[in-house]
Amino acid sequence: MTEGVPPRLATYAREIERLWNAMADGPGVLSPRDWERIRSWHDRGIPLQIVREAMESIAERRTRSRASWNLSRVAPVVDEAWQVVLDGRLADVEPVGEPSPASRSAIESLRAALAHAPSPSTLRDLLEGALRDAERGEPAERIDRRIDEGLPDAVPAETLIAARQGADAAVVPIRRRMDASLLAATRNRIVVARLRRHLQLPKLENDEAS
């Protein structure tokens, strides 16, 4: 089913298929509708991690209830988690300085964020390391992951508190409908997204794909 499709989509689909087979009772076959759903997730920019967390959440429920499951059961959880992330990312946050021009690349935004970072600071060290990695051609996804993991410990306490408060507000509507582990992962993703927006720091992976 991945023949003749763009490489990024093929990789995305193969990983979901691998996860699906690992969590099912045995090797399964994804239907044409499943493949259309996967293509839709990819086209909407939904990260694999969100799909993975949703599948793990459904698999855990299935283990407890012994009910069958497939991607049609996963889809509402993926959609809801992604919408919460979008809501959190788009919530009002005071930006640093003037808004970046729409034409500015992610690398330029990384340099601009570095220029505003206090010296010395953990944030400056994190951004300098990310810029060095980017300039020597390290994969964008890997750099983004390091930035995401490091930001909560690198920003000022008041900035992190504000991001966490915004994330808490964003997940209120789905607290009772989402497993605790998926809820925590979604909240953490919103925190990082808000910190990125505060620093005007877009994903390098998105820039590379454009």
N, C-alpha and C. Protein backbone atom coordinates (compact mmCIF):
# COMPACT_ATOMS: atom_id res chain seq x y z
N MET A 1 0.82 -1.22 0.00
CA MET A 1 0.00 0.00 0.00
C MET A 1 0.85 1.27 0.00
N THR A 2 2.17 1.12 0.32
CA THR A 2 3.01 2.31 0.36
C THR A 2 3.74 2.57 -0.94
N GLU A 3 3.53 1.71 -1.96
CA GLU A 3 4.20 1.91 -3.24
C GLU A 3 3.62 3.15 -3.94
N GLY A 4 4.53 3.97 -4.47
CA GLY A 4 4.09 5.13 -5.24
C GLY A 4 3.65 6.31 -4.40
N VAL A 5 3.84 6.27 -3.07
CA VAL A 5 3.46 7.40 -2.22
C VAL A 5 4.72 8.13 -1.80
N PRO A 6 4.63 9.40 -1.39
CA PRO A 6 5.81 10.15 -0.96
C PRO A 6 6.54 9.45 0.18
N PRO A 7 7.88 9.55 0.21
CA PRO A 7 8.67 8.83 1.22
C PRO A 7 8.25 9.11 2.65
N ARG A 8 7.96 10.38 2.98
CA ARG A 8 7.57 10.70 4.36
C ARG A 8 6.26 10.02 4.73
N LEU A 9 5.31 10.02 3.82
CA LEU A 9 4.04 9.37 4.09
C LEU A 9 4.23 7.87 4.21
N ALA A 10 5.08 7.29 3.35
CA ALA A 10 5.33 5.85 3.41
C ALA A 10 5.94 5.45 4.74
N THR A 11 6.90 6.24 5.21
CA THR A 11 7.53 5.94 6.51
C THR A 11 6.52 6.06 7.64
N TYR A 12 5.71 7.08 7.58
CA TYR A 12 4.67 7.33 8.59
C TYR A 12 3.69 6.15 8.61
N ALA A 13 3.25 5.72 7.44
CA ALA A 13 2.27 4.63 7.35
C ALA A 13 2.86 3.31 7.82
N ARG A 14 4.12 3.05 7.44
CA ARG A 14 4.75 1.79 7.85
C ARG A 14 4.91 1.71 9.37
N GLU A 15 5.23 2.83 10.00
CA GLU A 15 5.37 2.82 11.46
C GLU A 15 4.03 2.55 12.14
N ILE A 16 2.96 3.15 11.64
CA ILE A 16 1.64 2.90 12.21
C ILE A 16 1.24 1.43 12.00
N GLU A 17 1.54 0.91 10.81
CA GLU A 17 1.23 -0.50 10.53
C GLU A 17 2.02 -1.41 11.47
N ARG A 18 3.28 -1.06 11.72
CA ARG A 18 4.10 -1.86 12.64
C ARG A 18 3.51 -1.85 14.05
N LEU A 19 3.11 -0.67 14.51
CA LEU A 19 2.51 -0.56 15.83
C LEU A 19 1.20 -1.34 15.90
N TRP A 20 0.42 -1.22 14.84
CA TRP A 20 -0.88 -1.92 14.79
C TRP A 20 -0.68 -3.42 14.92
N ASN A 21 0.28 -3.98 14.18
CA ASN A 21 0.54 -5.41 14.23
C ASN A 21 1.09 -5.84 15.59
N ALA A 22 1.92 -4.96 16.20
CA ALA A 22 2.49 -5.29 17.50
C ALA A 22 1.43 -5.34 18.59
N MET A 23 0.40 -4.51 18.45
CA MET A 23 -0.61 -4.43 19.50
C MET A 23 -1.80 -5.34 19.25
N ALA A 24 -1.96 -5.82 18.03
CA ALA A 24 -3.05 -6.73 17.73
C ALA A 24 -2.67 -8.14 18.18
N ASP A 25 -3.61 -9.06 18.11
CA ASP A 25 -3.33 -10.44 18.51
C ASP A 25 -2.33 -11.11 17.57
N GLY A 26 -2.25 -10.65 16.36
CA GLY A 26 -1.32 -11.21 15.38
C GLY A 26 -1.27 -10.30 14.19
N PRO A 27 -0.50 -10.67 13.16
CA PRO A 27 -0.41 -9.83 11.95
C PRO A 27 -1.79 -9.54 11.37
N GLY A 28 -2.03 -8.30 11.07
CA GLY A 28 -3.32 -7.91 10.51
C GLY A 28 -3.15 -7.19 9.19
N VAL A 29 -4.23 -6.95 8.54
CA VAL A 29 -4.21 -6.24 7.25
C VAL A 29 -5.03 -4.97 7.40
N LEU A 30 -4.39 -3.83 7.13
CA LEU A 30 -5.09 -2.56 7.19
C LEU A 30 -5.98 -2.41 5.96
N SER A 31 -7.18 -1.97 6.17
CA SER A 31 -8.13 -1.82 5.08
C SER A 31 -7.83 -0.54 4.30
N PRO A 32 -8.38 -0.41 3.08
CA PRO A 32 -8.23 0.85 2.33
C PRO A 32 -8.70 2.05 3.15
N ARG A 33 -9.76 1.86 3.94
CA ARG A 33 -10.23 2.97 4.78
C ARG A 33 -9.19 3.33 5.83
N ASP A 34 -8.52 2.31 6.39
CA ASP A 34 -7.45 2.58 7.36
C ASP A 34 -6.34 3.41 6.71
N TRP A 35 -5.97 3.06 5.48
CA TRP A 35 -4.91 3.78 4.80
C TRP A 35 -5.32 5.22 4.50
N GLU A 36 -6.57 5.44 4.17
CA GLU A 36 -7.04 6.80 3.96
C GLU A 36 -6.99 7.59 5.26
N ARG A 37 -7.32 6.93 6.36
CA ARG A 37 -7.25 7.59 7.66
C ARG A 37 -5.81 7.97 7.99
N ILE A 38 -4.87 7.06 7.73
CA ILE A 38 -3.45 7.34 7.98
C ILE A 38 -2.98 8.51 7.12
N ARG A 39 -3.39 8.51 5.84
CA ARG A 39 -3.02 9.62 4.96
C ARG A 39 -3.58 10.95 5.49
N SER A 40 -4.80 10.91 6.00
CA SER A 40 -5.41 12.12 6.55
C SER A 40 -4.63 12.62 7.76
N TRP A 41 -4.24 11.71 8.64
CA TRP A 41 -3.45 12.12 9.81
C TRP A 41 -2.14 12.76 9.37
N HIS A 42 -1.49 12.14 8.39
CA HIS A 42 -0.22 12.67 7.90
C HIS A 42 -0.42 14.04 7.27
N ASP A 43 -1.43 14.18 6.43
CA ASP A 43 -1.66 15.45 5.73
C ASP A 43 -2.01 16.57 6.71
N ARG A 44 -2.65 16.22 7.82
CA ARG A 44 -3.00 17.23 8.83
C ARG A 44 -1.85 17.55 9.76
N GLY A 45 -0.73 16.83 9.60
CA GLY A 45 0.45 17.11 10.42
C GLY A 45 0.42 16.50 11.80
N ILE A 46 -0.41 15.48 12.01
CA ILE A 46 -0.48 14.85 13.33
C ILE A 46 0.77 14.02 13.56
N PRO A 47 1.55 14.31 14.59
CA PRO A 47 2.80 13.57 14.83
C PRO A 47 2.55 12.09 15.12
N LEU A 48 3.51 11.27 14.75
CA LEU A 48 3.40 9.83 15.03
C LEU A 48 3.25 9.57 16.52
N GLN A 49 3.88 10.40 17.35
CA GLN A 49 3.81 10.16 18.79
C GLN A 49 2.37 10.22 19.30
N ILE A 50 1.57 11.13 18.75
CA ILE A 50 0.17 11.21 19.17
C ILE A 50 -0.57 9.94 18.77
N VAL A 51 -0.32 9.46 17.55
CA VAL A 51 -0.97 8.23 17.10
C VAL A 51 -0.52 7.07 17.97
N ARG A 52 0.77 7.01 18.28
CA ARG A 52 1.31 5.93 19.11
C ARG A 52 0.65 5.94 20.49
N GLU A 53 0.55 7.12 21.10
CA GLU A 53 -0.03 7.20 22.44
C GLU A 53 -1.51 6.81 22.42
N ALA A 54 -2.21 7.20 21.36
CA ALA A 54 -3.62 6.83 21.24
C ALA A 54 -3.77 5.32 21.09
N MET A 55 -2.91 4.71 20.28
CA MET A 55 -2.98 3.26 20.08
C MET A 55 -2.66 2.51 21.37
N GLU A 56 -1.67 3.01 22.11
CA GLU A 56 -1.33 2.36 23.38
C GLU A 56 -2.47 2.48 24.37
N SER A 57 -3.15 3.64 24.36
CA SER A 57 -4.29 3.83 25.24
C SER A 57 -5.42 2.85 24.92
N ILE A 58 -5.72 2.70 23.63
CA ILE A 58 -6.77 1.77 23.21
C ILE A 58 -6.36 0.33 23.50
N ALA A 59 -5.08 0.01 23.27
CA ALA A 59 -4.61 -1.35 23.52
C ALA A 59 -4.74 -1.70 24.99
N GLU A 60 -4.48 -0.73 25.88
CA GLU A 60 -4.61 -0.97 27.31
C GLU A 60 -6.07 -1.26 27.67
N ARG A 61 -6.99 -0.50 27.11
CA ARG A 61 -8.41 -0.74 27.38
C ARG A 61 -8.82 -2.11 26.84
N ARG A 62 -8.29 -2.46 25.66
CA ARG A 62 -8.63 -3.73 25.05
C ARG A 62 -8.16 -4.89 25.93
N THR A 63 -6.96 -4.75 26.52
CA THR A 63 -6.43 -5.79 27.40
C THR A 63 -7.34 -6.01 28.59
N ARG A 64 -7.87 -4.90 29.08
CA ARG A 64 -8.75 -5.01 30.26
C ARG A 64 -10.12 -5.56 29.88
N SER A 65 -10.65 -5.15 28.74
CA SER A 65 -12.02 -5.51 28.39
C SER A 65 -12.11 -6.71 27.44
N ARG A 66 -10.97 -7.10 26.85
CA ARG A 66 -10.91 -8.18 25.86
C ARG A 66 -11.76 -7.87 24.63
N ALA A 67 -12.01 -6.60 24.40
CA ALA A 67 -12.79 -6.21 23.21
C ALA A 67 -11.86 -6.07 22.02
N SER A 68 -12.39 -6.32 20.83
CA SER A 68 -11.57 -6.15 19.63
C SER A 68 -11.39 -4.66 19.36
N TRP A 69 -10.37 -4.33 18.58
CA TRP A 69 -10.13 -2.92 18.27
C TRP A 69 -9.45 -2.83 16.92
N ASN A 70 -9.55 -1.67 16.32
CA ASN A 70 -8.89 -1.40 15.06
C ASN A 70 -8.69 0.11 14.95
N LEU A 71 -8.22 0.57 13.80
CA LEU A 71 -7.92 2.00 13.66
C LEU A 71 -9.16 2.87 13.77
N SER A 72 -10.33 2.32 13.47
CA SER A 72 -11.55 3.12 13.62
C SER A 72 -11.80 3.47 15.08
N ARG A 73 -11.35 2.61 16.00
CA ARG A 73 -11.48 2.92 17.42
C ARG A 73 -10.42 3.91 17.87
N VAL A 74 -9.26 3.88 17.21
CA VAL A 74 -8.17 4.78 17.58
C VAL A 74 -8.44 6.20 17.08
N ALA A 75 -9.10 6.32 15.94
CA ALA A 75 -9.26 7.63 15.28
C ALA A 75 -9.85 8.71 16.18
N PRO A 76 -10.94 8.46 16.92
CA PRO A 76 -11.49 9.54 17.75
C PRO A 76 -10.51 10.01 18.82
N VAL A 77 -9.71 9.09 19.36
CA VAL A 77 -8.72 9.46 20.38
C VAL A 77 -7.63 10.31 19.76
N VAL A 78 -7.17 9.93 18.57
CA VAL A 78 -6.16 10.72 17.86
C VAL A 78 -6.69 12.12 17.57
N ASP A 79 -7.90 12.19 17.03
CA ASP A 79 -8.47 13.49 16.66
C ASP A 79 -8.64 14.39 17.89
N GLU A 80 -9.09 13.81 18.98
CA GLU A 80 -9.32 14.61 20.18
C GLU A 80 -8.01 15.10 20.77
N ALA A 81 -7.01 14.22 20.85
CA ALA A 81 -5.71 14.62 21.39
C ALA A 81 -5.08 15.71 20.53
N TRP A 82 -5.19 15.58 19.19
CA TRP A 82 -4.62 16.58 18.29
C TRP A 82 -5.34 17.91 18.42
N GLN A 83 -6.64 17.89 18.58
CA GLN A 83 -7.38 19.13 18.72
C GLN A 83 -6.99 19.85 20.00
N VAL A 84 -6.78 19.09 21.07
CA VAL A 84 -6.35 19.71 22.33
C VAL A 84 -4.98 20.36 22.16
N VAL A 85 -4.08 19.67 21.45
CA VAL A 85 -2.76 20.24 21.19
C VAL A 85 -2.89 21.54 20.39
N LEU A 86 -3.72 21.53 19.37
CA LEU A 86 -3.92 22.73 18.56
C LEU A 86 -4.50 23.86 19.41
N ASP A 87 -5.47 23.53 20.24
CA ASP A 87 -6.07 24.56 21.10
C ASP A 87 -5.02 25.15 22.03
N GLY A 88 -4.18 24.29 22.58
CA GLY A 88 -3.14 24.77 23.48
C GLY A 88 -2.10 25.59 22.76
N ARG A 89 -1.75 25.17 21.54
CA ARG A 89 -0.73 25.88 20.79
C ARG A 89 -1.23 27.24 20.34
N LEU A 90 -2.52 27.33 20.04
CA LEU A 90 -3.06 28.57 19.51
C LEU A 90 -3.63 29.49 20.57
N ALA A 91 -3.55 29.06 21.84
CA ALA A 91 -4.05 29.91 22.92
C ALA A 91 -3.20 31.17 23.01
N ASP A 92 -3.79 32.23 23.60
CA ASP A 92 -3.09 33.50 23.70
C ASP A 92 -1.88 33.38 24.61
N VAL A 93 -0.69 33.68 24.08
CA VAL A 93 0.55 33.71 24.84
C VAL A 93 1.30 34.95 24.40
N GLU A 94 1.84 35.69 25.36
CA GLU A 94 2.59 36.88 25.01
C GLU A 94 3.87 36.49 24.29
N PRO A 95 4.07 36.92 23.05
CA PRO A 95 5.29 36.58 22.33
C PRO A 95 6.47 37.41 22.81
N VAL A 96 7.69 36.96 22.50
CA VAL A 96 8.89 37.72 22.82
C VAL A 96 9.20 38.62 21.64
N GLY A 97 9.24 39.94 21.86
CA GLY A 97 9.57 40.87 20.79
C GLY A 97 8.49 40.93 19.72
N GLU A 98 8.91 41.36 18.53
CA GLU A 98 7.99 41.50 17.41
C GLU A 98 7.73 40.14 16.76
N PRO A 99 6.53 39.94 16.20
CA PRO A 99 6.25 38.67 15.52
C PRO A 99 7.23 38.44 14.37
N SER A 100 7.64 37.16 14.20
CA SER A 100 8.56 36.83 13.12
C SER A 100 7.86 36.96 11.77
N PRO A 101 8.55 37.44 10.73
CA PRO A 101 7.96 37.48 9.40
C PRO A 101 7.59 36.08 8.94
N ALA A 102 6.54 35.97 8.18
CA ALA A 102 6.08 34.65 7.73
C ALA A 102 7.14 33.95 6.90
N SER A 103 8.03 34.69 6.25
CA SER A 103 9.03 34.09 5.38
C SER A 103 10.27 33.61 6.12
N ARG A 104 10.36 33.91 7.40
CA ARG A 104 11.55 33.52 8.16
C ARG A 104 11.60 32.01 8.31
N SER A 105 12.73 31.42 8.03
CA SER A 105 12.88 29.97 8.14
C SER A 105 13.04 29.58 9.60
N ALA A 106 12.85 28.30 9.87
CA ALA A 106 12.99 27.82 11.25
C ALA A 106 14.41 28.02 11.75
N ILE A 107 15.40 27.89 10.90
CA ILE A 107 16.78 28.10 11.33
C ILE A 107 17.00 29.55 11.72
N GLU A 108 16.46 30.46 10.94
CA GLU A 108 16.58 31.88 11.28
C GLU A 108 15.87 32.18 12.59
N SER A 109 14.73 31.55 12.82
CA SER A 109 14.01 31.74 14.07
C SER A 109 14.82 31.19 15.24
N LEU A 110 15.52 30.09 15.02
CA LEU A 110 16.39 29.54 16.06
C LEU A 110 17.50 30.52 16.40
N ARG A 111 18.09 31.13 15.37
CA ARG A 111 19.13 32.13 15.62
C ARG A 111 18.57 33.34 16.37
N ALA A 112 17.36 33.76 16.00
CA ALA A 112 16.74 34.92 16.66
C ALA A 112 16.46 34.61 18.13
N ALA A 113 15.95 33.41 18.41
CA ALA A 113 15.69 33.02 19.79
C ALA A 113 17.00 32.98 20.59
N LEU A 114 18.06 32.51 19.96
CA LEU A 114 19.36 32.47 20.60
C LEU A 114 19.85 33.88 20.93
N ALA A 115 19.61 34.82 20.01
CA ALA A 115 20.05 36.20 20.23
C ALA A 115 19.35 36.83 21.43
N HIS A 116 18.12 36.39 21.73
CA HIS A 116 17.37 36.94 22.86
C HIS A 116 17.62 36.19 24.16
N ALA A 117 18.30 35.05 24.08
CA ALA A 117 18.49 34.23 25.29
C ALA A 117 19.53 34.87 26.21
N PRO A 118 19.29 34.87 27.52
CA PRO A 118 20.28 35.42 28.47
C PRO A 118 21.60 34.67 28.37
N SER A 119 22.68 35.35 28.68
CA SER A 119 24.00 34.72 28.66
C SER A 119 24.72 34.99 29.98
N PRO A 120 25.16 33.98 30.68
CA PRO A 120 24.99 32.55 30.37
C PRO A 120 23.61 32.08 30.83
N SER A 121 23.12 31.02 30.23
CA SER A 121 21.85 30.43 30.65
C SER A 121 21.72 29.03 30.06
N THR A 122 20.89 28.22 30.70
CA THR A 122 20.61 26.88 30.18
C THR A 122 19.93 26.97 28.83
N LEU A 123 19.06 27.99 28.66
CA LEU A 123 18.37 28.17 27.39
C LEU A 123 19.37 28.45 26.27
N ARG A 124 20.34 29.32 26.54
CA ARG A 124 21.34 29.63 25.51
C ARG A 124 22.13 28.37 25.14
N ASP A 125 22.51 27.60 26.14
CA ASP A 125 23.26 26.37 25.87
C ASP A 125 22.44 25.42 25.00
N LEU A 126 21.14 25.31 25.30
CA LEU A 126 20.26 24.42 24.53
C LEU A 126 20.15 24.87 23.09
N LEU A 127 19.93 26.18 22.88
CA LEU A 127 19.76 26.69 21.52
C LEU A 127 21.06 26.67 20.74
N GLU A 128 22.17 26.96 21.39
CA GLU A 128 23.46 26.90 20.70
C GLU A 128 23.75 25.48 20.23
N GLY A 129 23.45 24.51 21.10
CA GLY A 129 23.66 23.12 20.71
C GLY A 129 22.77 22.72 19.55
N ALA A 130 21.52 23.18 19.56
CA ALA A 130 20.59 22.87 18.48
C ALA A 130 21.06 23.49 17.17
N LEU A 131 21.56 24.72 17.23
CA LEU A 131 22.02 25.39 16.02
C LEU A 131 23.26 24.70 15.45
N ARG A 132 24.17 24.29 16.34
CA ARG A 132 25.35 23.56 15.86
C ARG A 132 24.94 22.26 15.18
N ASP A 133 23.99 21.56 15.80
CA ASP A 133 23.52 20.29 15.22
C ASP A 133 22.88 20.53 13.85
N ALA A 134 22.10 21.60 13.75
CA ALA A 134 21.42 21.90 12.49
C ALA A 134 22.43 22.25 11.41
N GLU A 135 23.46 23.02 11.77
CA GLU A 135 24.44 23.46 10.78
C GLU A 135 25.31 22.32 10.28
N ARG A 136 25.46 21.26 11.08
CA ARG A 136 26.24 20.13 10.59
C ARG A 136 25.36 19.02 10.01
N GLY A 137 24.07 19.34 9.81
CA GLY A 137 23.19 18.45 9.07
C GLY A 137 22.53 17.35 9.85
N GLU A 138 22.46 17.49 11.18
CA GLU A 138 21.77 16.47 11.98
C GLU A 138 20.29 16.46 11.61
N PRO A 139 19.63 15.30 11.61
CA PRO A 139 18.20 15.25 11.25
C PRO A 139 17.36 16.21 12.08
N ALA A 140 16.47 16.92 11.41
CA ALA A 140 15.64 17.93 12.08
C ALA A 140 14.79 17.32 13.19
N GLU A 141 14.26 16.13 12.95
CA GLU A 141 13.40 15.50 13.96
C GLU A 141 14.16 15.27 15.26
N ARG A 142 15.43 14.86 15.15
CA ARG A 142 16.23 14.60 16.34
C ARG A 142 16.52 15.89 17.11
N ILE A 143 16.80 16.96 16.36
CA ILE A 143 17.07 18.25 17.01
C ILE A 143 15.81 18.75 17.70
N ASP A 144 14.67 18.64 17.02
CA ASP A 144 13.40 19.08 17.61
C ASP A 144 13.13 18.33 18.91
N ARG A 145 13.41 17.03 18.92
CA ARG A 145 13.15 16.23 20.12
C ARG A 145 14.02 16.70 21.29
N ARG A 146 15.28 17.03 21.00
CA ARG A 146 16.17 17.53 22.06
C ARG A 146 15.70 18.88 22.60
N ILE A 147 15.26 19.74 21.67
CA ILE A 147 14.74 21.04 22.11
C ILE A 147 13.50 20.84 22.98
N ASP A 148 12.57 20.00 22.53
CA ASP A 148 11.33 19.76 23.28
C ASP A 148 11.63 19.22 24.67
N GLU A 149 12.58 18.30 24.75
CA GLU A 149 12.92 17.70 26.04
C GLU A 149 13.61 18.69 26.97
N GLY A 150 14.38 19.61 26.38
CA GLY A 150 15.16 20.53 27.20
C GLY A 150 14.47 21.82 27.59
N LEU A 151 13.47 22.25 26.81
CA LEU A 151 12.86 23.56 27.05
C LEU A 151 12.28 23.74 28.45
N PRO A 152 11.51 22.77 28.99
CA PRO A 152 10.92 23.01 30.32
C PRO A 152 11.94 23.34 31.40
N ASP A 153 13.13 22.77 31.30
CA ASP A 153 14.17 23.04 32.30
C ASP A 153 15.03 24.25 31.94
N ALA A 154 14.83 24.81 30.75
CA ALA A 154 15.70 25.89 30.28
C ALA A 154 15.07 27.27 30.38
N VAL A 155 13.74 27.34 30.40
CA VAL A 155 13.08 28.66 30.43
C VAL A 155 12.95 29.15 31.86
N PRO A 156 12.74 30.47 32.05
CA PRO A 156 12.51 31.00 33.39
C PRO A 156 11.29 30.36 34.05
N ALA A 157 11.31 30.29 35.38
CA ALA A 157 10.24 29.61 36.12
C ALA A 157 8.87 30.20 35.81
N GLU A 158 8.79 31.52 35.70
CA GLU A 158 7.49 32.15 35.46
C GLU A 158 6.94 31.79 34.07
N THR A 159 7.84 31.63 33.09
CA THR A 159 7.42 31.24 31.74
C THR A 159 6.87 29.82 31.75
N LEU A 160 7.55 28.93 32.47
CA LEU A 160 7.09 27.54 32.55
C LEU A 160 5.76 27.45 33.29
N ILE A 161 5.61 28.21 34.35
CA ILE A 161 4.35 28.20 35.11
C ILE A 161 3.19 28.65 34.22
N ALA A 162 3.41 29.71 33.45
CA ALA A 162 2.36 30.21 32.56
C ALA A 162 1.99 29.17 31.51
N ALA A 163 2.99 28.48 30.97
CA ALA A 163 2.73 27.45 29.96
C ALA A 163 1.95 26.29 30.58
N ARG A 164 2.30 25.91 31.78
CA ARG A 164 1.60 24.81 32.45
C ARG A 164 0.16 25.19 32.79
N GLN A 165 -0.03 26.42 33.19
CA GLN A 165 -1.40 26.87 33.49
C GLN A 165 -2.25 26.86 32.22
N GLY A 166 -1.67 27.30 31.11
CA GLY A 166 -2.40 27.27 29.85
C GLY A 166 -2.72 25.85 29.42
N ALA A 167 -1.78 24.93 29.63
CA ALA A 167 -2.01 23.53 29.28
C ALA A 167 -3.10 22.92 30.15
N ASP A 168 -3.08 23.25 31.43
CA ASP A 168 -4.11 22.74 32.34
C ASP A 168 -5.50 23.18 31.89
N ALA A 169 -5.60 24.44 31.47
CA ALA A 169 -6.89 24.94 31.00
C ALA A 169 -7.31 24.26 29.71
N ALA A 170 -6.34 23.97 28.84
CA ALA A 170 -6.67 23.36 27.54
C ALA A 170 -7.19 21.94 27.67
N VAL A 171 -6.73 21.19 28.68
CA VAL A 171 -7.14 19.79 28.80
C VAL A 171 -8.38 19.59 29.66
N VAL A 172 -8.90 20.66 30.25
CA VAL A 172 -10.08 20.52 31.10
C VAL A 172 -11.23 19.78 30.40
N PRO A 173 -11.55 20.12 29.14
CA PRO A 173 -12.71 19.47 28.50
C PRO A 173 -12.57 17.96 28.32
N ILE A 174 -11.33 17.44 28.32
CA ILE A 174 -11.16 16.01 28.00
C ILE A 174 -10.59 15.21 29.17
N ARG A 175 -10.52 15.79 30.35
CA ARG A 175 -9.92 15.08 31.48
C ARG A 175 -10.63 13.77 31.79
N ARG A 176 -11.95 13.76 31.71
CA ARG A 176 -12.70 12.56 32.10
C ARG A 176 -12.81 11.54 30.98
N ARG A 177 -12.43 11.92 29.76
CA ARG A 177 -12.61 11.02 28.63
C ARG A 177 -11.30 10.41 28.13
N MET A 178 -10.18 10.81 28.73
CA MET A 178 -8.88 10.37 28.25
C MET A 178 -8.12 9.66 29.36
N ASP A 179 -7.45 8.56 29.02
CA ASP A 179 -6.64 7.85 29.99
C ASP A 179 -5.60 8.78 30.60
N ALA A 180 -5.22 8.50 31.86
CA ALA A 180 -4.29 9.36 32.58
C ALA A 180 -2.96 9.52 31.85
N SER A 181 -2.44 8.42 31.30
CA SER A 181 -1.14 8.49 30.63
C SER A 181 -1.22 9.34 29.36
N LEU A 182 -2.29 9.18 28.59
CA LEU A 182 -2.45 9.96 27.36
C LEU A 182 -2.73 11.42 27.70
N LEU A 183 -3.49 11.65 28.76
CA LEU A 183 -3.77 13.02 29.19
C LEU A 183 -2.47 13.73 29.59
N ALA A 184 -1.61 13.03 30.34
CA ALA A 184 -0.35 13.62 30.77
C ALA A 184 0.55 13.93 29.58
N ALA A 185 0.60 13.00 28.61
CA ALA A 185 1.43 13.21 27.43
C ALA A 185 0.91 14.39 26.61
N THR A 186 -0.42 14.49 26.50
CA THR A 186 -1.02 15.60 25.75
C THR A 186 -0.74 16.92 26.44
N ARG A 187 -0.87 16.94 27.76
CA ARG A 187 -0.58 18.16 28.52
C ARG A 187 0.87 18.58 28.34
N ASN A 188 1.79 17.63 28.42
CA ASN A 188 3.21 17.95 28.26
C ASN A 188 3.48 18.51 26.87
N ARG A 189 2.81 17.96 25.86
CA ARG A 189 3.02 18.44 24.49
C ARG A 189 2.52 19.88 24.36
N ILE A 190 1.42 20.19 25.01
CA ILE A 190 0.90 21.56 24.96
C ILE A 190 1.86 22.52 25.65
N VAL A 191 2.42 22.09 26.77
CA VAL A 191 3.39 22.94 27.48
C VAL A 191 4.54 23.29 26.55
N VAL A 192 5.11 22.29 25.89
CA VAL A 192 6.23 22.54 24.99
C VAL A 192 5.81 23.42 23.81
N ALA A 193 4.62 23.18 23.26
CA ALA A 193 4.15 23.99 22.15
C ALA A 193 4.01 25.45 22.55
N ARG A 194 3.52 25.70 23.76
CA ARG A 194 3.36 27.08 24.24
C ARG A 194 4.73 27.73 24.48
N LEU A 195 5.68 26.95 24.98
CA LEU A 195 7.03 27.48 25.18
C LEU A 195 7.66 27.83 23.83
N ARG A 196 7.46 26.97 22.84
CA ARG A 196 7.99 27.26 21.51
C ARG A 196 7.37 28.54 20.95
N ARG A 197 6.06 28.69 21.14
CA ARG A 197 5.42 29.88 20.60
C ARG A 197 5.92 31.13 21.32
N HIS A 198 6.11 31.01 22.64
CA HIS A 198 6.62 32.15 23.42
C HIS A 198 7.99 32.59 22.91
N LEU A 199 8.80 31.62 22.51
CA LEU A 199 10.15 31.92 22.01
C LEU A 199 10.18 32.13 20.50
N GLN A 200 9.02 32.04 19.84
CA GLN A 200 8.95 32.12 18.38
C GLN A 200 9.92 31.12 17.75
N LEU A 201 9.76 29.87 18.18
CA LEU A 201 10.68 28.81 17.80
C LEU A 201 9.92 27.69 17.10
N PRO A 202 9.71 27.78 15.78
CA PRO A 202 8.97 26.73 15.07
C PRO A 202 9.77 25.44 14.98
N LYS A 203 9.09 24.38 14.62
CA LYS A 203 9.74 23.09 14.46
C LYS A 203 10.69 23.11 13.26
N LEU A 204 11.90 22.64 13.45
CA LEU A 204 12.84 22.54 12.35
C LEU A 204 12.36 21.52 11.32
N GLU A 205 11.71 20.46 11.80
CA GLU A 205 11.23 19.41 10.89
C GLU A 205 10.23 19.96 9.90
N ASN A 206 9.33 20.85 10.36
CA ASN A 206 8.35 21.45 9.46
C ASN A 206 9.04 22.30 8.40
N ASP A 207 10.10 23.00 8.82
CA ASP A 207 10.82 23.86 7.87
C ASP A 207 11.51 23.01 6.81
N GLU A 208 12.07 21.86 7.24
CA GLU A 208 12.78 21.01 6.31
C GLU A 208 11.82 20.42 5.28
N ALA A 209 10.58 20.13 5.72
CA ALA A 209 9.62 19.49 4.83
C ALA A 209 9.00 20.45 3.85
N SER A 210 9.10 21.75 4.11
CA SER A 210 8.43 22.73 3.26
C SER A 210 9.22 23.04 2.00
